[in-house]
Amino acid sequence: MTSANTDVDKVREYLLELDLSIDKEDHDDTFFVVSDEENGVKNLVIDCADPLVILEQLIMSGLDNISGAFCKSLLQINRTLVHGAFVLDETGSKLLFRDTLRLATLDLDELEGSISALSLALAENSNTLLEHAPAA
């Protein structure tokens, strides 16, 4: 078994230990999609892209006309986050939560901290995020 496979297996074990629902996994492409809807985690993509573990969750889409005030709010929120950040995708129309961790030294506490930071960021900033959400 290669080191990369061992690392992916380690991440899978951590996800199970954290009682996350593994909604999809692709061992060959080394990624997982997990959920813990009770804590605001839904379709969190965890990509084991050696040398990193990249965590990304879509927060909202349809931000085609994002305001400067909302961007400023996101930057101010990012300053308060323990792990990760709110980011825009390359098109600027999707808001994501993103964090990167080092795969080789990843431990359970670090992965849990990153996922908990996502839950906390959503809980603490839900009003600001909803205020700027595009109308459905």
Protein backbone atom coordinates (compact mmCIF):
# COMPACT_ATOMS: atom_id res chain seq x y z
CA MET A 1 0.00 0.00 0.00
CA THR A 2 1.36 3.37 -0.98
CA SER A 3 1.75 6.27 1.39
CA ALA A 4 -1.02 8.20 -0.39
CA ASN A 5 -3.46 5.31 0.09
CA THR A 6 -2.43 5.03 3.73
CA ASP A 7 -3.09 8.74 4.20
CA VAL A 8 -6.52 8.46 2.56
CA ASP A 9 -7.34 5.49 4.77
CA LYS A 10 -6.27 7.54 7.80
CA VAL A 11 -8.58 10.38 6.77
CA ARG A 12 -11.45 7.91 6.26
CA GLU A 13 -10.89 6.49 9.76
CA TYR A 14 -10.93 10.00 11.23
CA LEU A 15 -14.19 10.84 9.44
CA LEU A 16 -15.81 7.71 10.84
CA GLU A 17 -14.44 8.46 14.33
CA LEU A 18 -16.02 11.92 14.10
CA ASP A 19 -19.39 10.28 13.28
CA LEU A 20 -19.61 12.11 9.96
CA SER A 21 -21.83 10.64 7.31
CA ILE A 22 -19.69 9.71 4.31
CA ASP A 23 -22.10 10.48 1.48
CA LYS A 24 -19.62 9.75 -1.30
CA GLU A 25 -16.05 8.57 -1.51
CA ASP A 26 -13.66 7.97 -4.33
CA HIS A 27 -10.56 6.24 -3.06
CA ASP A 28 -8.84 6.48 -6.47
CA ASP A 29 -9.39 10.23 -6.71
CA THR A 30 -8.76 10.51 -2.95
CA PHE A 31 -11.78 12.54 -1.92
CA PHE A 32 -14.80 12.26 0.34
CA VAL A 33 -18.09 14.12 0.58
CA VAL A 34 -19.34 14.19 4.16
CA SER A 35 -22.25 15.60 6.14
CA ASP A 36 -23.23 16.35 9.70
CA GLU A 37 -26.38 18.34 9.04
CA GLU A 38 -27.09 18.81 12.75
CA ASN A 39 -23.95 20.97 12.85
CA GLY A 40 -24.41 22.73 9.51
CA VAL A 41 -22.02 20.50 7.56
CA LYS A 42 -23.58 19.41 4.28
CA ASN A 43 -21.71 18.07 1.27
CA LEU A 44 -18.32 19.04 2.68
CA VAL A 45 -15.73 17.93 0.12
CA ILE A 46 -12.52 16.62 1.65
CA ASP A 47 -9.87 16.20 -1.01
CA CYS A 48 -6.66 14.43 -0.04
CA ALA A 49 -4.52 16.16 -2.65
CA ASP A 50 -1.07 15.26 -1.33
CA PRO A 51 0.58 17.16 0.30
CA LEU A 52 -2.67 18.82 1.46
CA VAL A 53 -6.12 17.98 2.71
CA ILE A 54 -8.47 20.53 1.22
CA LEU A 55 -11.87 21.04 2.82
CA GLU A 56 -14.53 22.93 0.86
CA GLN A 57 -18.22 23.43 1.45
CA LEU A 58 -20.54 25.41 -0.78
CA ILE A 59 -22.26 28.07 1.31
CA MET A 60 -24.28 29.83 -1.40
CA SER A 61 -24.34 30.34 -5.13
CA GLY A 62 -25.86 32.92 -7.46
CA LEU A 63 -23.66 35.76 -6.26
CA ASP A 64 -23.37 37.23 -9.73
CA ASN A 65 -23.66 40.80 -8.47
CA ILE A 66 -21.80 40.57 -5.17
CA SER A 67 -21.55 43.91 -3.42
CA GLY A 68 -18.42 45.50 -2.05
CA ALA A 69 -20.13 45.67 1.34
CA PHE A 70 -20.60 41.89 1.36
CA CYS A 71 -16.97 41.33 0.35
CA LYS A 72 -15.90 43.62 3.18
CA SER A 73 -18.09 41.68 5.61
CA LEU A 74 -16.53 38.38 4.48
CA LEU A 75 -13.02 39.73 5.00
CA GLN A 76 -13.96 40.94 8.47
CA ILE A 77 -15.50 37.55 9.28
CA ASN A 78 -12.39 35.75 8.01
CA ARG A 79 -10.30 37.63 10.56
CA THR A 80 -12.30 36.00 13.37
CA LEU A 81 -12.21 32.42 12.09
CA VAL A 82 -10.09 29.87 13.92
CA HIS A 83 -9.55 27.72 10.82
CA GLY A 84 -10.33 28.25 7.17
CA ALA A 85 -11.93 31.16 5.38
CA PHE A 86 -14.92 32.17 3.35
CA VAL A 87 -13.80 32.43 -0.28
CA LEU A 88 -15.29 33.01 -3.71
CA ASP A 89 -14.81 30.45 -6.47
CA GLU A 90 -12.99 31.36 -9.67
CA THR A 91 -16.21 32.69 -11.24
CA GLY A 92 -17.00 34.89 -8.24
CA SER A 93 -20.55 33.54 -8.12
CA LYS A 94 -20.18 30.91 -5.37
CA LEU A 95 -19.28 31.41 -1.73
CA LEU A 96 -17.36 28.53 -0.18
CA PHE A 97 -15.83 27.73 3.16
CA ARG A 98 -12.27 26.46 2.52
CA ASP A 99 -9.50 25.19 4.72
CA THR A 100 -6.23 23.42 3.97
CA LEU A 101 -4.33 21.10 6.27
CA ARG A 102 -1.10 19.16 5.83
CA LEU A 103 -1.87 15.53 4.95
CA ALA A 104 1.33 13.90 6.20
CA THR A 105 0.97 15.24 9.75
CA LEU A 106 -2.83 15.33 9.96
CA ASP A 107 -4.30 14.10 13.21
CA LEU A 108 -7.84 13.60 14.43
CA ASP A 109 -7.90 16.75 16.57
CA GLU A 110 -6.74 18.94 13.69
CA LEU A 111 -9.37 17.58 11.29
CA GLU A 112 -12.07 17.89 13.96
CA GLY A 113 -10.97 21.46 14.69
CA SER A 114 -11.26 22.43 11.04
CA ILE A 115 -14.73 20.91 10.68
CA SER A 116 -15.86 22.44 13.98
CA ALA A 117 -14.58 25.82 12.77
CA LEU A 118 -16.88 25.51 9.76
CA SER A 119 -19.88 24.78 12.02
CA LEU A 120 -18.98 27.66 14.32
CA ALA A 121 -18.42 30.08 11.43
CA LEU A 122 -21.84 29.27 10.03
CA ALA A 123 -23.56 29.57 13.41
CA GLU A 124 -21.88 32.84 14.36
CA ASN A 125 -22.32 34.49 10.97
CA SER A 126 -25.62 33.11 9.71
CA ASN A 127 -27.38 36.48 9.89
CA THR A 128 -24.73 38.21 7.80
CA LEU A 129 -24.65 35.37 5.28
CA LEU A 130 -28.44 35.22 4.98
CA GLU A 131 -28.65 38.98 4.66
CA HIS A 132 -26.56 38.80 1.49
CA ALA A 133 -28.00 35.56 0.08
CA PRO A 134 -29.53 35.97 -3.37
CA ALA A 135 -33.33 35.87 -3.43
CA ALA A 136 -34.64 32.41 -4.15
